[in-house]
C-alpha atoms as a PDB file:
ATOM      1  CA  UNK A   1     -74.301 -22.924 228.242  1.00  0.00           C
ATOM      2  CA  UNK A   2     -71.073 -20.531 229.557  1.00  0.00           C
ATOM      3  CA  UNK A   3     -69.827 -20.729 233.219  1.00  0.00           C
ATOM      4  CA  UNK A   4     -67.491 -18.019 233.949  1.00  0.00           C
ATOM      5  CA  UNK A   5     -65.152 -17.846 237.076  1.00  0.00           C
ATOM      6  CA  UNK A   6     -64.383 -14.985 238.885  1.00  0.00           C
ATOM      7  CA  UNK A   7     -61.045 -15.908 239.460  1.00  0.00           C
ATOM      8  CA  UNK A   8     -58.313 -18.419 238.883  1.00  0.00           C
ATOM      9  CA  UNK A   9     -60.024 -21.804 238.311  1.00  0.00           C
ATOM     10  CA  UNK A  10     -56.774 -23.818 239.743  1.00  0.00           C
ATOM     11  CA  UNK A  11     -57.100 -21.457 243.091  1.00  0.00           C
ATOM     12  CA  UNK A  12     -60.856 -22.042 243.305  1.00  0.00           C
ATOM     13  CA  UNK A  13     -60.097 -25.823 242.810  1.00  0.00           C
ATOM     14  CA  UNK A  14     -57.223 -25.814 245.127  1.00  0.00           C
ATOM     15  CA  UNK A  15     -59.106 -23.818 247.770  1.00  0.00           C
ATOM     16  CA  UNK A  16     -61.920 -26.294 247.882  1.00  0.00           C
ATOM     17  CA  UNK A  17     -59.501 -29.412 247.893  1.00  0.00           C
ATOM     18  CA  UNK A  18     -57.537 -28.112 250.893  1.00  0.00           C
ATOM     19  CA  UNK A  19     -60.472 -29.231 253.549  1.00  0.00           C
ATOM     20  CA  UNK A  20     -60.622 -32.444 251.943  1.00  0.00           C
ATOM     21  CA  UNK A  21     -56.681 -33.081 252.153  1.00  0.00           C
ATOM     22  CA  UNK A  22     -55.865 -31.554 255.807  1.00  0.00           C
ATOM     23  CA  UNK A  23     -58.415 -34.038 256.700  1.00  0.00           C
ATOM     24  CA  UNK A  24     -56.781 -36.803 255.058  1.00  0.00           C
ATOM     25  CA  UNK A  25     -53.700 -35.173 256.975  1.00  0.00           C
ATOM     26  CA  UNK A  26     -54.630 -35.049 259.620  1.00  0.00           C
ATOM     27  CA  UNK A  27     -56.033 -39.090 259.805  1.00  0.00           C
ATOM     28  CA  UNK A  28     -52.548 -40.516 258.423  1.00  0.00           C
ATOM     29  CA  UNK A  29     -50.974 -38.410 261.673  1.00  0.00           C
ATOM     30  CA  UNK A  30     -53.325 -39.792 264.241  1.00  0.00           C
ATOM     31  CA  UNK A  31     -52.265 -43.572 262.451  1.00  0.00           C
ATOM     32  CA  UNK A  32     -48.740 -43.006 262.522  1.00  0.00           C
ATOM     33  CA  UNK A  33     -48.677 -41.412 266.219  1.00  0.00           C
ATOM     34  CA  UNK A  34     -50.780 -44.417 267.554  1.00  0.00           C
ATOM     35  CA  UNK A  35     -48.181 -46.820 265.607  1.00  0.00           C
ATOM     36  CA  UNK A  36     -45.174 -45.078 266.955  1.00  0.00           C
ATOM     37  CA  UNK A  37     -46.256 -45.359 270.383  1.00  0.00           C
ATOM     38  CA  UNK A  38     -47.531 -48.740 269.921  1.00  0.00           C
ATOM     39  CA  UNK A  39     -45.137 -50.505 267.964  1.00  0.00           C
ATOM     40  CA  UNK A  40     -41.545 -48.165 269.291  1.00  0.00           C
ATOM     41  CA  UNK A  41     -38.406 -50.613 269.705  1.00  0.00           C
ATOM     42  CA  UNK A  42     -40.469 -53.768 267.431  1.00  0.00           C
ATOM     43  CA  UNK A  43     -39.214 -55.211 264.972  1.00  0.00           C
ATOM     44  CA  UNK A  44     -39.196 -54.098 261.203  1.00  0.00           C
ATOM     45  CA  UNK A  45     -40.765 -57.389 260.032  1.00  0.00           C
ATOM     46  CA  UNK A  46     -43.121 -57.208 262.811  1.00  0.00           C
ATOM     47  CA  UNK A  47     -44.657 -53.622 262.261  1.00  0.00           C
ATOM     48  CA  UNK A  48     -44.626 -53.988 257.983  1.00  0.00           C
ATOM     49  CA  UNK A  49     -48.066 -55.747 257.945  1.00  0.00           C
ATOM     50  CA  UNK A  50     -49.522 -53.361 260.308  1.00  0.00           C
ATOM     51  CA  UNK A  51     -48.727 -50.287 258.637  1.00  0.00           C
ATOM     52  CA  UNK A  52     -49.373 -51.338 255.329  1.00  0.00           C
ATOM     53  CA  UNK A  53     -53.152 -52.692 256.703  1.00  0.00           C
ATOM     54  CA  UNK A  54     -53.648 -49.173 258.551  1.00  0.00           C
ATOM     55  CA  UNK A  55     -52.273 -47.423 255.468  1.00  0.00           C
ATOM     56  CA  UNK A  56     -54.883 -49.295 253.332  1.00  0.00           C
ATOM     57  CA  UNK A  57     -57.822 -48.636 255.517  1.00  0.00           C
ATOM     58  CA  UNK A  58     -57.171 -45.358 255.293  1.00  0.00           C
ATOM     59  CA  UNK A  59     -57.673 -45.513 251.475  1.00  0.00           C
ATOM     60  CA  UNK A  60     -53.694 -45.591 250.505  1.00  0.00           C
ATOM     61  CA  UNK A  61     -51.325 -47.720 249.360  1.00  0.00           C
ATOM     62  CA  UNK A  62     -47.796 -48.135 249.813  1.00  0.00           C
ATOM     63  CA  UNK A  63     -44.796 -49.178 247.894  1.00  0.00           C
ATOM     64  CA  UNK A  64     -42.260 -52.397 250.090  1.00  0.00           C
ATOM     65  CA  UNK A  65     -39.427 -50.073 250.033  1.00  0.00           C
ATOM     66  CA  UNK A  66     -41.441 -47.496 251.443  1.00  0.00           C
ATOM     67  CA  UNK A  67     -43.100 -49.716 254.198  1.00  0.00           C
ATOM     68  CA  UNK A  68     -39.429 -51.006 255.252  1.00  0.00           C
ATOM     69  CA  UNK A  69     -39.001 -46.882 255.443  1.00  0.00           C
ATOM     70  CA  UNK A  70     -41.365 -45.913 257.637  1.00  0.00           C
ATOM     71  CA  UNK A  71     -41.315 -49.080 259.518  1.00  0.00           C
ATOM     72  CA  UNK A  72     -38.045 -48.439 260.612  1.00  0.00           C
ATOM     73  CA  UNK A  73     -38.875 -45.266 261.341  1.00  0.00           C
ATOM     74  CA  UNK A  74     -41.364 -46.270 263.468  1.00  0.00           C
ATOM     75  CA  UNK A  75     -39.166 -48.917 265.152  1.00  0.00           C
ATOM     76  CA  UNK A  76     -36.692 -46.408 266.007  1.00  0.00           C
ATOM     77  CA  UNK A  77     -39.772 -44.028 267.808  1.00  0.00           C
ATOM     78  CA  UNK A  78     -39.491 -41.341 265.561  1.00  0.00           C
ATOM     79  CA  UNK A  79     -42.729 -39.093 264.783  1.00  0.00           C
ATOM     80  CA  UNK A  80     -44.027 -37.775 261.502  1.00  0.00           C
ATOM     81  CA  UNK A  81     -45.305 -35.028 261.018  1.00  0.00           C
ATOM     82  CA  UNK A  82     -47.589 -35.306 258.085  1.00  0.00           C
ATOM     83  CA  UNK A  83     -47.965 -31.730 256.157  1.00  0.00           C
ATOM     84  CA  UNK A  84     -50.484 -30.523 253.151  1.00  0.00           C
ATOM     85  CA  UNK A  85     -48.387 -29.408 250.485  1.00  0.00           C
ATOM     86  CA  UNK A  86     -49.182 -25.910 249.109  1.00  0.00           C
END
């Protein structure tokens, strides 16, 4: 069996994945926006376990240094902008 593609296979795969990536980025954006609203001004130590749980709920994992960095920004009230690359 031969399969022929009209065009670049890498582009075909990237285009197919783009919708899923945009949806995941949108879900993370909503999660981070919610955390900033709810936890602005709160201690980093209080935010980290909540952030880790929410990150896991969205199917991801995050390192402790990453948790600290994001929790610090959340505590400061910094809004994140989640973008899909390429």
